[in-house]
Amino acid sequence: MKNVDVRKIRKKMEKSLDSKRFEHTLGVAYTASALAMCHQADIEKAQIAGLLHDCAKCMSNEKKTDICEKHQIPVTDIEKHNPFLLHAKVGRYLAQKQFHIHDEDILNAIMNHTTGRPEMSRLEKIIYIADYIEPGRKQAPGLSKVRRLAFQDLDRALLKILKDTLDYLQSIDSPIDPMTQKTYDFYIREAGKVIH
C-alpha cells in the first residue's frame, strides 16, 4: 500500500472516535492483522481496514443521512428507519475521500463489515470476523468457539457468526438487514450443510 501511513490513520481515529470505540477499533485492527497472518492475506490491508471500519460510527445519524443524500449513496428502507446502520456505507465514503484509500478490497471490507455479502473476498471475511471476535468483545454467544474457529476456517467462522447474529436479532425481535440473511443463505449453500 503506497502512500498510506498507518500511524496517521490511527492518530486520526483516536481524535474522531470516543475512547470505547477507539479501543474496539484497535482490537479489530489487531485481530484482523493476526487473521491475515494466519490465512495468508495482506497484513497491512487488514490493519488499514480494521482501523477504518468504524470511522463513521460516532457521527450523528443526521450527518450520516446527509452524507448519503449529498453523495448519492443508496439507502435501503431498513437503513432509513435505522440510520445507525449507515456507518458502514458512510465509512467507505470517508475512507476514500478523507483517508485517500482507493483499494477496492479495503473499501468493500469497510462497507460490508456489518452485514457481509455473498462472495466476500478473504479480506472482507477477515474484517467481518475480526469485528465480532476482537478481544474487547464479551457479549456474543459461543464467542470462544468462534474465536478458535476463526483461526482454523474462515468460512465456518463466518457462517457461525451469521447464524448467531440472525438468531440473536430474531430473539429480540430486531429488524434484520436483508443482506445479512442473503449472505447467510449464500454461504449455507456453499457449505452444503447447516452449522449447529
N, C-alpha and C. Protein backbone atom coordinates (compact mmCIF):
# COMPACT_ATOMS: atom_id res chain seq x y z
N MET A 1 0.85 -1.19 0.00
CA MET A 1 0.00 0.00 0.00
C MET A 1 0.88 1.24 0.00
N LYS A 2 1.02 1.86 -1.17
CA LYS A 2 1.86 3.05 -1.26
C LYS A 2 1.16 4.26 -0.66
N ASN A 3 1.95 5.14 -0.05
CA ASN A 3 1.47 6.43 0.47
C ASN A 3 0.37 6.34 1.52
N VAL A 4 0.27 5.22 2.20
CA VAL A 4 -0.71 5.12 3.29
C VAL A 4 0.07 4.97 4.60
N ASP A 5 -0.10 5.94 5.49
CA ASP A 5 0.60 5.94 6.77
C ASP A 5 -0.35 5.43 7.85
N VAL A 6 -0.11 4.19 8.27
CA VAL A 6 -0.99 3.54 9.24
C VAL A 6 -1.01 4.33 10.56
N ARG A 7 0.15 4.88 10.95
CA ARG A 7 0.21 5.64 12.21
C ARG A 7 -0.66 6.89 12.16
N LYS A 8 -0.67 7.54 10.99
CA LYS A 8 -1.51 8.75 10.84
C LYS A 8 -3.00 8.40 10.94
N ILE A 9 -3.36 7.28 10.30
CA ILE A 9 -4.76 6.83 10.37
C ILE A 9 -5.15 6.57 11.82
N ARG A 10 -4.27 5.90 12.53
CA ARG A 10 -4.52 5.57 13.94
C ARG A 10 -4.72 6.84 14.77
N LYS A 11 -3.86 7.85 14.54
CA LYS A 11 -3.98 9.12 15.28
C LYS A 11 -5.30 9.83 14.97
N LYS A 12 -5.68 9.83 13.69
CA LYS A 12 -6.95 10.47 13.31
C LYS A 12 -8.13 9.74 13.94
N MET A 13 -8.06 8.42 13.98
CA MET A 13 -9.14 7.64 14.58
C MET A 13 -9.25 7.95 16.08
N GLU A 14 -8.12 8.10 16.73
CA GLU A 14 -8.12 8.39 18.17
C GLU A 14 -8.84 9.72 18.44
N LYS A 15 -8.66 10.69 17.53
CA LYS A 15 -9.30 12.01 17.69
C LYS A 15 -10.79 11.97 17.37
N SER A 16 -11.18 11.16 16.38
CA SER A 16 -12.57 11.23 15.91
C SER A 16 -13.52 10.23 16.57
N LEU A 17 -12.99 9.24 17.29
CA LEU A 17 -13.85 8.25 17.95
C LEU A 17 -13.84 8.44 19.46
N ASP A 18 -14.92 8.05 20.13
CA ASP A 18 -14.87 8.09 21.60
C ASP A 18 -13.93 6.97 22.07
N SER A 19 -13.53 7.04 23.34
CA SER A 19 -12.47 6.14 23.81
C SER A 19 -12.85 4.66 23.71
N LYS A 20 -14.11 4.35 24.00
CA LYS A 20 -14.56 2.95 23.93
C LYS A 20 -14.51 2.44 22.48
N ARG A 21 -14.97 3.26 21.55
CA ARG A 21 -14.98 2.88 20.13
C ARG A 21 -13.54 2.77 19.61
N PHE A 22 -12.66 3.65 20.09
CA PHE A 22 -11.26 3.60 19.66
C PHE A 22 -10.60 2.30 20.14
N GLU A 23 -10.88 1.91 21.38
CA GLU A 23 -10.34 0.64 21.90
C GLU A 23 -10.82 -0.53 21.04
N HIS A 24 -12.10 -0.52 20.71
CA HIS A 24 -12.67 -1.56 19.84
C HIS A 24 -11.95 -1.56 18.48
N THR A 25 -11.74 -0.38 17.93
CA THR A 25 -11.08 -0.24 16.63
C THR A 25 -9.67 -0.83 16.65
N LEU A 26 -8.92 -0.53 17.71
CA LEU A 26 -7.57 -1.11 17.85
C LEU A 26 -7.65 -2.63 17.96
N GLY A 27 -8.66 -3.11 18.68
CA GLY A 27 -8.85 -4.57 18.81
C GLY A 27 -9.14 -5.23 17.48
N VAL A 28 -9.96 -4.57 16.66
CA VAL A 28 -10.31 -5.12 15.34
C VAL A 28 -9.07 -5.10 14.43
N ALA A 29 -8.32 -4.00 14.44
CA ALA A 29 -7.11 -3.91 13.60
C ALA A 29 -6.10 -4.99 14.00
N TYR A 30 -5.93 -5.19 15.31
CA TYR A 30 -5.01 -6.20 15.83
C TYR A 30 -5.47 -7.62 15.42
N THR A 31 -6.75 -7.90 15.64
CA THR A 31 -7.30 -9.22 15.32
C THR A 31 -7.26 -9.48 13.83
N ALA A 32 -7.60 -8.45 13.03
CA ALA A 32 -7.57 -8.60 11.57
C ALA A 32 -6.15 -8.89 11.09
N SER A 33 -5.16 -8.24 11.68
CA SER A 33 -3.76 -8.50 11.31
C SER A 33 -3.37 -9.94 11.63
N ALA A 34 -3.79 -10.40 12.80
CA ALA A 34 -3.48 -11.79 13.20
C ALA A 34 -4.16 -12.80 12.27
N LEU A 35 -5.42 -12.53 11.93
CA LEU A 35 -6.13 -13.42 11.00
C LEU A 35 -5.49 -13.40 9.62
N ALA A 36 -5.04 -12.22 9.20
CA ALA A 36 -4.37 -12.11 7.89
C ALA A 36 -3.08 -12.94 7.89
N MET A 37 -2.32 -12.89 8.98
CA MET A 37 -1.10 -13.71 9.09
C MET A 37 -1.44 -15.19 8.99
N CYS A 38 -2.50 -15.57 9.68
CA CYS A 38 -2.90 -16.97 9.73
C CYS A 38 -3.41 -17.48 8.38
N HIS A 39 -4.12 -16.62 7.65
CA HIS A 39 -4.80 -17.06 6.42
C HIS A 39 -4.17 -16.50 5.15
N GLN A 40 -2.90 -16.16 5.22
CA GLN A 40 -2.14 -15.68 4.05
C GLN A 40 -2.83 -14.54 3.30
N ALA A 41 -3.31 -13.54 4.05
CA ALA A 41 -3.88 -12.33 3.44
C ALA A 41 -2.90 -11.18 3.67
N ASP A 42 -3.14 -10.06 3.02
CA ASP A 42 -2.27 -8.89 3.14
C ASP A 42 -2.45 -8.26 4.53
N ILE A 43 -1.39 -8.28 5.33
CA ILE A 43 -1.47 -7.83 6.73
C ILE A 43 -1.73 -6.32 6.80
N GLU A 44 -1.06 -5.55 5.96
CA GLU A 44 -1.23 -4.09 6.00
C GLU A 44 -2.66 -3.69 5.60
N LYS A 45 -3.19 -4.34 4.59
CA LYS A 45 -4.57 -4.04 4.17
C LYS A 45 -5.54 -4.38 5.31
N ALA A 46 -5.31 -5.50 5.97
CA ALA A 46 -6.17 -5.91 7.08
C ALA A 46 -6.10 -4.88 8.21
N GLN A 47 -4.90 -4.38 8.48
CA GLN A 47 -4.71 -3.39 9.54
C GLN A 47 -5.45 -2.08 9.19
N ILE A 48 -5.28 -1.62 7.94
CA ILE A 48 -5.93 -0.38 7.50
C ILE A 48 -7.45 -0.52 7.54
N ALA A 49 -7.97 -1.61 7.00
CA ALA A 49 -9.42 -1.83 7.01
C ALA A 49 -9.95 -1.92 8.44
N GLY A 50 -9.19 -2.58 9.31
CA GLY A 50 -9.58 -2.68 10.72
C GLY A 50 -9.63 -1.32 11.40
N LEU A 51 -8.64 -0.49 11.13
CA LEU A 51 -8.61 0.85 11.73
C LEU A 51 -9.75 1.74 11.23
N LEU A 52 -10.14 1.55 9.97
CA LEU A 52 -11.14 2.44 9.37
C LEU A 52 -12.57 1.89 9.37
N HIS A 53 -12.76 0.65 9.81
CA HIS A 53 -14.08 0.03 9.61
C HIS A 53 -15.21 0.81 10.30
N ASP A 54 -14.91 1.46 11.43
CA ASP A 54 -15.93 2.21 12.17
C ASP A 54 -15.68 3.72 12.12
N CYS A 55 -15.00 4.20 11.07
CA CYS A 55 -14.61 5.62 11.05
C CYS A 55 -15.81 6.56 11.06
N ALA A 56 -16.99 6.08 10.66
CA ALA A 56 -18.20 6.93 10.67
C ALA A 56 -19.13 6.60 11.84
N LYS A 57 -18.71 5.73 12.73
CA LYS A 57 -19.60 5.21 13.78
C LYS A 57 -20.05 6.30 14.76
N CYS A 58 -19.17 7.23 15.10
CA CYS A 58 -19.51 8.24 16.12
C CYS A 58 -20.17 9.50 15.54
N MET A 59 -20.46 9.46 14.26
CA MET A 59 -21.16 10.56 13.60
C MET A 59 -22.64 10.50 13.96
N SER A 60 -23.31 11.65 14.00
CA SER A 60 -24.75 11.64 14.27
C SER A 60 -25.49 10.97 13.11
N ASN A 61 -26.66 10.43 13.41
CA ASN A 61 -27.48 9.82 12.36
C ASN A 61 -27.84 10.83 11.28
N GLU A 62 -28.08 12.07 11.69
CA GLU A 62 -28.40 13.13 10.73
C GLU A 62 -27.26 13.33 9.74
N LYS A 63 -26.06 13.38 10.29
CA LYS A 63 -24.89 13.62 9.44
C LYS A 63 -24.68 12.45 8.46
N LYS A 64 -24.85 11.23 8.95
CA LYS A 64 -24.71 10.05 8.08
C LYS A 64 -25.74 10.11 6.95
N THR A 65 -26.98 10.45 7.31
CA THR A 65 -28.05 10.54 6.32
C THR A 65 -27.75 11.65 5.31
N ASP A 66 -27.27 12.80 5.81
CA ASP A 66 -26.91 13.93 4.92
C ASP A 66 -25.84 13.54 3.91
N ILE A 67 -24.81 12.85 4.39
CA ILE A 67 -23.71 12.42 3.50
C ILE A 67 -24.25 11.51 2.40
N CYS A 68 -25.12 10.59 2.78
CA CYS A 68 -25.71 9.67 1.80
C CYS A 68 -26.52 10.44 0.75
N GLU A 69 -27.32 11.39 1.21
CA GLU A 69 -28.13 12.18 0.27
C GLU A 69 -27.25 13.01 -0.65
N LYS A 70 -26.27 13.68 -0.06
CA LYS A 70 -25.40 14.60 -0.81
C LYS A 70 -24.56 13.87 -1.86
N HIS A 71 -24.16 12.65 -1.57
CA HIS A 71 -23.22 11.93 -2.46
C HIS A 71 -23.87 10.73 -3.15
N GLN A 72 -25.21 10.74 -3.21
CA GLN A 72 -25.97 9.69 -3.89
C GLN A 72 -25.58 8.27 -3.46
N ILE A 73 -25.40 8.11 -2.16
CA ILE A 73 -25.13 6.76 -1.63
C ILE A 73 -26.49 6.12 -1.38
N PRO A 74 -26.78 4.98 -2.04
CA PRO A 74 -28.11 4.37 -1.90
C PRO A 74 -28.40 3.95 -0.46
N VAL A 75 -29.63 4.22 -0.02
CA VAL A 75 -30.07 3.89 1.34
C VAL A 75 -31.28 2.97 1.23
N THR A 76 -31.23 1.83 1.89
CA THR A 76 -32.35 0.89 1.86
C THR A 76 -33.43 1.34 2.85
N ASP A 77 -34.62 0.74 2.75
CA ASP A 77 -35.71 1.08 3.68
C ASP A 77 -35.32 0.81 5.13
N ILE A 78 -34.65 -0.32 5.34
CA ILE A 78 -34.27 -0.66 6.72
C ILE A 78 -33.25 0.35 7.26
N GLU A 79 -32.37 0.86 6.39
CA GLU A 79 -31.39 1.88 6.81
C GLU A 79 -32.08 3.22 7.08
N LYS A 80 -33.12 3.54 6.30
CA LYS A 80 -33.88 4.78 6.54
C LYS A 80 -34.48 4.78 7.94
N HIS A 81 -35.00 3.62 8.34
CA HIS A 81 -35.62 3.52 9.67
C HIS A 81 -34.61 3.28 10.79
N ASN A 82 -33.41 2.83 10.42
CA ASN A 82 -32.34 2.56 11.40
C ASN A 82 -31.03 3.18 10.89
N PRO A 83 -30.95 4.53 10.89
CA PRO A 83 -29.81 5.18 10.23
C PRO A 83 -28.44 4.86 10.84
N PHE A 84 -28.41 4.30 12.06
CA PHE A 84 -27.12 3.89 12.64
C PHE A 84 -26.45 2.83 11.76
N LEU A 85 -27.26 2.09 10.98
CA LEU A 85 -26.72 1.07 10.08
C LEU A 85 -25.91 1.66 8.92
N LEU A 86 -26.05 2.97 8.70
CA LEU A 86 -25.37 3.61 7.56
C LEU A 86 -23.88 3.81 7.80
N HIS A 87 -23.40 3.53 9.02
CA HIS A 87 -21.99 3.85 9.29
C HIS A 87 -21.02 3.08 8.39
N ALA A 88 -21.42 1.90 7.91
CA ALA A 88 -20.52 1.13 7.05
C ALA A 88 -20.40 1.76 5.66
N LYS A 89 -21.54 2.16 5.08
CA LYS A 89 -21.51 2.81 3.76
C LYS A 89 -20.81 4.17 3.83
N VAL A 90 -21.15 4.94 4.87
CA VAL A 90 -20.52 6.26 5.04
C VAL A 90 -19.03 6.07 5.34
N GLY A 91 -18.70 5.02 6.08
CA GLY A 91 -17.29 4.71 6.38
C GLY A 91 -16.49 4.46 5.10
N ARG A 92 -17.09 3.74 4.18
CA ARG A 92 -16.41 3.51 2.89
C ARG A 92 -16.14 4.84 2.19
N TYR A 93 -17.15 5.70 2.19
CA TYR A 93 -17.03 7.02 1.55
C TYR A 93 -15.90 7.83 2.21
N LEU A 94 -15.88 7.88 3.55
CA LEU A 94 -14.85 8.64 4.27
C LEU A 94 -13.46 8.06 4.05
N ALA A 95 -13.37 6.74 4.03
CA ALA A 95 -12.06 6.10 3.80
C ALA A 95 -11.47 6.55 2.46
N GLN A 96 -12.36 6.67 1.48
CA GLN A 96 -11.92 7.08 0.14
C GLN A 96 -11.59 8.58 0.08
N LYS A 97 -12.50 9.40 0.61
CA LYS A 97 -12.36 10.86 0.45
C LYS A 97 -11.41 11.49 1.46
N GLN A 98 -11.48 11.06 2.71
CA GLN A 98 -10.66 11.70 3.74
C GLN A 98 -9.32 11.00 3.96
N PHE A 99 -9.30 9.70 3.75
CA PHE A 99 -8.07 8.94 4.03
C PHE A 99 -7.37 8.47 2.76
N HIS A 100 -7.96 8.81 1.61
CA HIS A 100 -7.36 8.53 0.30
C HIS A 100 -7.05 7.04 0.09
N ILE A 101 -7.97 6.21 0.54
CA ILE A 101 -7.86 4.76 0.31
C ILE A 101 -8.61 4.47 -1.00
N HIS A 102 -7.90 3.88 -1.95
CA HIS A 102 -8.52 3.59 -3.25
C HIS A 102 -8.52 2.10 -3.58
N ASP A 103 -8.04 1.31 -2.63
CA ASP A 103 -8.03 -0.14 -2.82
C ASP A 103 -9.46 -0.66 -2.63
N GLU A 104 -10.03 -1.23 -3.69
CA GLU A 104 -11.44 -1.68 -3.66
C GLU A 104 -11.68 -2.73 -2.58
N ASP A 105 -10.69 -3.59 -2.35
CA ASP A 105 -10.86 -4.65 -1.37
C ASP A 105 -11.00 -4.07 0.04
N ILE A 106 -10.18 -3.06 0.36
CA ILE A 106 -10.27 -2.40 1.67
C ILE A 106 -11.62 -1.68 1.79
N LEU A 107 -11.99 -0.97 0.73
CA LEU A 107 -13.25 -0.21 0.75
C LEU A 107 -14.45 -1.15 0.91
N ASN A 108 -14.43 -2.29 0.23
CA ASN A 108 -15.51 -3.27 0.36
C ASN A 108 -15.54 -3.89 1.76
N ALA A 109 -14.35 -4.12 2.32
CA ALA A 109 -14.29 -4.70 3.67
C ALA A 109 -14.93 -3.75 4.69
N ILE A 110 -14.71 -2.44 4.51
CA ILE A 110 -15.33 -1.45 5.39
C ILE A 110 -16.84 -1.44 5.17
N MET A 111 -17.26 -1.41 3.91
CA MET A 111 -18.68 -1.29 3.59
C MET A 111 -19.50 -2.51 4.02
N ASN A 112 -18.89 -3.69 3.99
CA ASN A 112 -19.65 -4.93 4.25
C ASN A 112 -19.40 -5.54 5.62
N HIS A 113 -18.76 -4.78 6.53
CA HIS A 113 -18.38 -5.39 7.81
C HIS A 113 -19.56 -5.62 8.76
N THR A 114 -20.72 -5.02 8.47
CA THR A 114 -21.86 -5.24 9.38
C THR A 114 -22.81 -6.33 8.89
N THR A 115 -22.97 -6.45 7.58
CA THR A 115 -23.95 -7.41 7.05
C THR A 115 -23.30 -8.58 6.31
N GLY A 116 -22.05 -8.39 5.88
CA GLY A 116 -21.47 -9.35 4.95
C GLY A 116 -22.14 -9.20 3.59
N ARG A 117 -21.75 -10.05 2.67
CA ARG A 117 -22.40 -10.11 1.35
C ARG A 117 -22.02 -11.43 0.71
N PRO A 118 -22.80 -11.91 -0.25
CA PRO A 118 -22.38 -13.13 -0.97
C PRO A 118 -21.03 -12.87 -1.67
N GLU A 119 -20.25 -13.92 -1.78
CA GLU A 119 -18.95 -13.87 -2.48
C GLU A 119 -18.00 -12.81 -1.93
N MET A 120 -17.84 -12.82 -0.62
CA MET A 120 -16.89 -11.91 0.02
C MET A 120 -15.45 -12.32 -0.29
N SER A 121 -14.58 -11.33 -0.37
CA SER A 121 -13.15 -11.62 -0.54
C SER A 121 -12.60 -12.11 0.81
N ARG A 122 -11.38 -12.60 0.80
CA ARG A 122 -10.77 -13.05 2.05
C ARG A 122 -10.65 -11.89 3.05
N LEU A 123 -10.26 -10.71 2.56
CA LEU A 123 -10.13 -9.55 3.44
C LEU A 123 -11.48 -9.15 4.03
N GLU A 124 -12.53 -9.17 3.23
CA GLU A 124 -13.87 -8.84 3.73
C GLU A 124 -14.27 -9.80 4.86
N LYS A 125 -14.01 -11.08 4.66
CA LYS A 125 -14.33 -12.06 5.71
C LYS A 125 -13.53 -11.78 6.97
N ILE A 126 -12.26 -11.45 6.80
CA ILE A 126 -11.38 -11.19 7.95
C ILE A 126 -11.90 -10.01 8.77
N ILE A 127 -12.30 -8.92 8.12
CA ILE A 127 -12.79 -7.74 8.85
C ILE A 127 -14.13 -8.03 9.51
N TYR A 128 -15.00 -8.72 8.80
CA TYR A 128 -16.31 -9.09 9.37
C TYR A 128 -16.11 -9.93 10.65
N ILE A 129 -15.22 -10.90 10.55
CA ILE A 129 -14.97 -11.80 11.69
C ILE A 129 -14.24 -11.07 12.82
N ALA A 130 -13.21 -10.28 12.47
CA ALA A 130 -12.43 -9.56 13.48
C ALA A 130 -13.31 -8.61 14.29
N ASP A 131 -14.28 -7.99 13.63
CA ASP A 131 -15.20 -7.07 14.30
C ASP A 131 -16.00 -7.82 15.38
N TYR A 132 -16.28 -9.07 15.14
CA TYR A 132 -17.09 -9.88 16.05
C TYR A 132 -16.26 -10.49 17.19
N ILE A 133 -15.02 -10.85 16.90
CA ILE A 133 -14.24 -11.64 17.88
C ILE A 133 -13.14 -10.86 18.59
N GLU A 134 -12.96 -9.56 18.27
CA GLU A 134 -11.82 -8.84 18.86
C GLU A 134 -11.84 -8.97 20.39
N PRO A 135 -10.65 -8.83 21.03
CA PRO A 135 -10.53 -9.15 22.46
C PRO A 135 -11.49 -8.41 23.39
N GLY A 136 -11.92 -7.21 23.01
CA GLY A 136 -12.82 -6.43 23.86
C GLY A 136 -14.27 -6.91 23.85
N ARG A 137 -14.62 -7.76 22.90
CA ARG A 137 -16.00 -8.28 22.82
C ARG A 137 -16.23 -9.27 23.95
N LYS A 138 -17.36 -9.12 24.64
CA LYS A 138 -17.64 -10.04 25.74
C LYS A 138 -19.00 -10.71 25.58
N GLN A 139 -19.93 -10.07 24.87
CA GLN A 139 -21.34 -10.44 24.91
C GLN A 139 -21.75 -11.62 24.01
N ALA A 140 -21.15 -11.70 22.85
CA ALA A 140 -21.68 -12.61 21.82
C ALA A 140 -21.72 -14.07 22.29
N PRO A 141 -22.75 -14.82 21.84
CA PRO A 141 -22.86 -16.24 22.23
C PRO A 141 -21.77 -17.09 21.58
N GLY A 142 -21.29 -18.07 22.32
CA GLY A 142 -20.31 -19.02 21.77
C GLY A 142 -19.02 -18.37 21.28
N LEU A 143 -18.63 -17.27 21.94
CA LEU A 143 -17.51 -16.47 21.44
C LEU A 143 -16.19 -17.26 21.42
N SER A 144 -15.92 -18.04 22.46
CA SER A 144 -14.64 -18.76 22.49
C SER A 144 -14.56 -19.78 21.35
N LYS A 145 -15.70 -20.40 21.03
CA LYS A 145 -15.74 -21.36 19.92
C LYS A 145 -15.47 -20.65 18.59
N VAL A 146 -16.13 -19.50 18.40
CA VAL A 146 -15.96 -18.74 17.15
C VAL A 146 -14.51 -18.26 17.03
N ARG A 147 -13.93 -17.83 18.15
CA ARG A 147 -12.52 -17.35 18.12
C ARG A 147 -11.58 -18.47 17.66
N ARG A 148 -11.79 -19.67 18.20
CA ARG A 148 -10.95 -20.81 17.78
C ARG A 148 -11.16 -21.10 16.30
N LEU A 149 -12.42 -21.13 15.90
CA LEU A 149 -12.80 -21.45 14.52
C LEU A 149 -12.19 -20.45 13.52
N ALA A 150 -12.14 -19.19 13.91
CA ALA A 150 -11.65 -18.13 13.01
C ALA A 150 -10.22 -18.37 12.56
N PHE A 151 -9.43 -18.99 13.42
CA PHE A 151 -8.03 -19.25 13.07
C PHE A 151 -7.84 -20.61 12.39
N GLN A 152 -8.95 -21.36 12.27
CA GLN A 152 -8.89 -22.65 11.59
C GLN A 152 -9.55 -22.60 10.21
N ASP A 153 -10.72 -21.95 10.13
CA ASP A 153 -11.51 -21.98 8.90
C ASP A 153 -12.38 -20.72 8.82
N LEU A 154 -11.99 -19.78 7.97
CA LEU A 154 -12.70 -18.50 7.86
C LEU A 154 -14.18 -18.70 7.50
N ASP A 155 -14.45 -19.60 6.55
CA ASP A 155 -15.83 -19.77 6.09
C ASP A 155 -16.74 -20.33 7.17
N ARG A 156 -16.23 -21.30 7.93
CA ARG A 156 -17.05 -21.86 9.00
C ARG A 156 -17.28 -20.83 10.11
N ALA A 157 -16.25 -20.03 10.40
CA ALA A 157 -16.40 -18.97 11.42
C ALA A 157 -17.42 -17.94 10.94
N LEU A 158 -17.33 -17.57 9.67
CA LEU A 158 -18.26 -16.61 9.07
C LEU A 158 -19.71 -17.10 9.19
N LEU A 159 -19.92 -18.35 8.82
CA LEU A 159 -21.27 -18.94 8.89
C LEU A 159 -21.80 -18.96 10.31
N LYS A 160 -20.95 -19.32 11.24
CA LYS A 160 -21.36 -19.39 12.66
C LYS A 160 -21.77 -18.00 13.15
N ILE A 161 -20.99 -16.98 12.80
CA ILE A 161 -21.31 -15.61 13.22
C ILE A 161 -22.63 -15.16 12.58
N LEU A 162 -22.78 -15.41 11.29
CA LEU A 162 -24.02 -15.02 10.60
C LEU A 162 -25.23 -15.69 11.24
N LYS A 163 -25.12 -16.99 11.52
CA LYS A 163 -26.24 -17.72 12.13
C LYS A 163 -26.54 -17.18 13.53
N ASP A 164 -25.50 -16.99 14.35
CA ASP A 164 -25.70 -16.48 15.71
C ASP A 164 -26.31 -15.08 15.68
N THR A 165 -25.87 -14.25 14.72
CA THR A 165 -26.40 -12.88 14.60
C THR A 165 -27.89 -12.92 14.23
N LEU A 166 -28.23 -13.72 13.24
CA LEU A 166 -29.64 -13.84 12.84
C LEU A 166 -30.51 -14.37 13.98
N ASP A 167 -30.00 -15.40 14.67
CA ASP A 167 -30.75 -15.97 15.81
C ASP A 167 -30.97 -14.92 16.90
N TYR A 168 -29.92 -14.16 17.18
CA TYR A 168 -30.00 -13.14 18.23
C TYR A 168 -31.01 -12.05 17.85
N LEU A 169 -30.91 -11.54 16.62
CA LEU A 169 -31.81 -10.47 16.17
C LEU A 169 -33.27 -10.94 16.19
N GLN A 170 -33.49 -12.21 15.80
CA GLN A 170 -34.85 -12.75 15.85
C GLN A 170 -35.34 -12.86 17.29
N SER A 171 -34.45 -13.27 18.20
CA SER A 171 -34.85 -13.47 19.60
C SER A 171 -35.24 -12.16 20.28
N ILE A 172 -34.66 -11.03 19.84
CA ILE A 172 -35.03 -9.74 20.45
C ILE A 172 -36.00 -8.96 19.55
N ASP A 173 -36.48 -9.63 18.51
CA ASP A 173 -37.45 -9.03 17.58
C ASP A 173 -36.92 -7.74 16.96
N SER A 174 -35.64 -7.78 16.59
CA SER A 174 -35.00 -6.60 15.98
C SER A 174 -35.05 -6.74 14.45
N PRO A 175 -35.14 -5.62 13.73
CA PRO A 175 -35.15 -5.73 12.27
C PRO A 175 -33.85 -6.34 11.74
N ILE A 176 -33.97 -7.17 10.73
CA ILE A 176 -32.80 -7.83 10.14
C ILE A 176 -32.56 -7.24 8.76
N ASP A 177 -31.33 -6.81 8.53
CA ASP A 177 -30.98 -6.31 7.21
C ASP A 177 -31.05 -7.49 6.24
N PRO A 178 -31.81 -7.36 5.15
CA PRO A 178 -31.95 -8.48 4.21
C PRO A 178 -30.59 -9.00 3.69
N MET A 179 -29.58 -8.12 3.65
CA MET A 179 -28.27 -8.57 3.16
C MET A 179 -27.64 -9.60 4.11
N THR A 180 -27.89 -9.48 5.40
CA THR A 180 -27.36 -10.46 6.35
C THR A 180 -27.96 -11.83 6.06
N GLN A 181 -29.27 -11.87 5.83
CA GLN A 181 -29.95 -13.13 5.52
C GLN A 181 -29.45 -13.68 4.18
N LYS A 182 -29.30 -12.80 3.21
CA LYS A 182 -28.83 -13.20 1.88
C LYS A 182 -27.42 -13.80 1.96
N THR A 183 -26.58 -13.17 2.78
CA THR A 183 -25.20 -13.64 2.95
C THR A 183 -25.19 -15.02 3.60
N TYR A 184 -26.00 -15.17 4.65
CA TYR A 184 -26.09 -16.47 5.33
C TYR A 184 -26.57 -17.55 4.36
N ASP A 185 -27.64 -17.25 3.62
CA ASP A 185 -28.19 -18.22 2.66
C ASP A 185 -27.15 -18.63 1.62
N PHE A 186 -26.38 -17.65 1.16
CA PHE A 186 -25.35 -17.93 0.16
C PHE A 186 -24.29 -18.89 0.72
N TYR A 187 -23.80 -18.59 1.94
CA TYR A 187 -22.72 -19.42 2.50
C TYR A 187 -23.21 -20.79 2.98
N ILE A 188 -24.48 -20.87 3.34
CA ILE A 188 -25.05 -22.18 3.66
C ILE A 188 -25.07 -23.05 2.41
N ARG A 189 -25.49 -22.46 1.30
CA ARG A 189 -25.48 -23.21 0.02
C ARG A 189 -24.06 -23.63 -0.32
N GLU A 190 -23.12 -22.72 -0.13
CA GLU A 190 -21.71 -23.02 -0.42
C GLU A 190 -21.21 -24.18 0.45
N ALA A 191 -21.58 -24.15 1.70
CA ALA A 191 -21.09 -25.17 2.63
C ALA A 191 -21.84 -26.49 2.43
N GLY A 192 -23.08 -26.38 1.93
CA GLY A 192 -23.85 -27.60 1.70
C GLY A 192 -24.32 -28.27 2.95
N LYS A 193 -24.21 -27.55 4.08
CA LYS A 193 -24.68 -28.14 5.34
C LYS A 193 -25.01 -27.02 6.33
N VAL A 194 -25.85 -27.31 7.29
CA VAL A 194 -26.22 -26.33 8.30
C VAL A 194 -25.25 -26.43 9.46
N ILE A 195 -24.79 -25.28 9.93
CA ILE A 195 -23.88 -25.25 11.09
C ILE A 195 -24.73 -25.19 12.36
N HIS A 196 -24.44 -26.07 13.30
CA HIS A 196 -25.19 -26.07 14.58
C HIS A 196 -24.34 -25.43 15.65
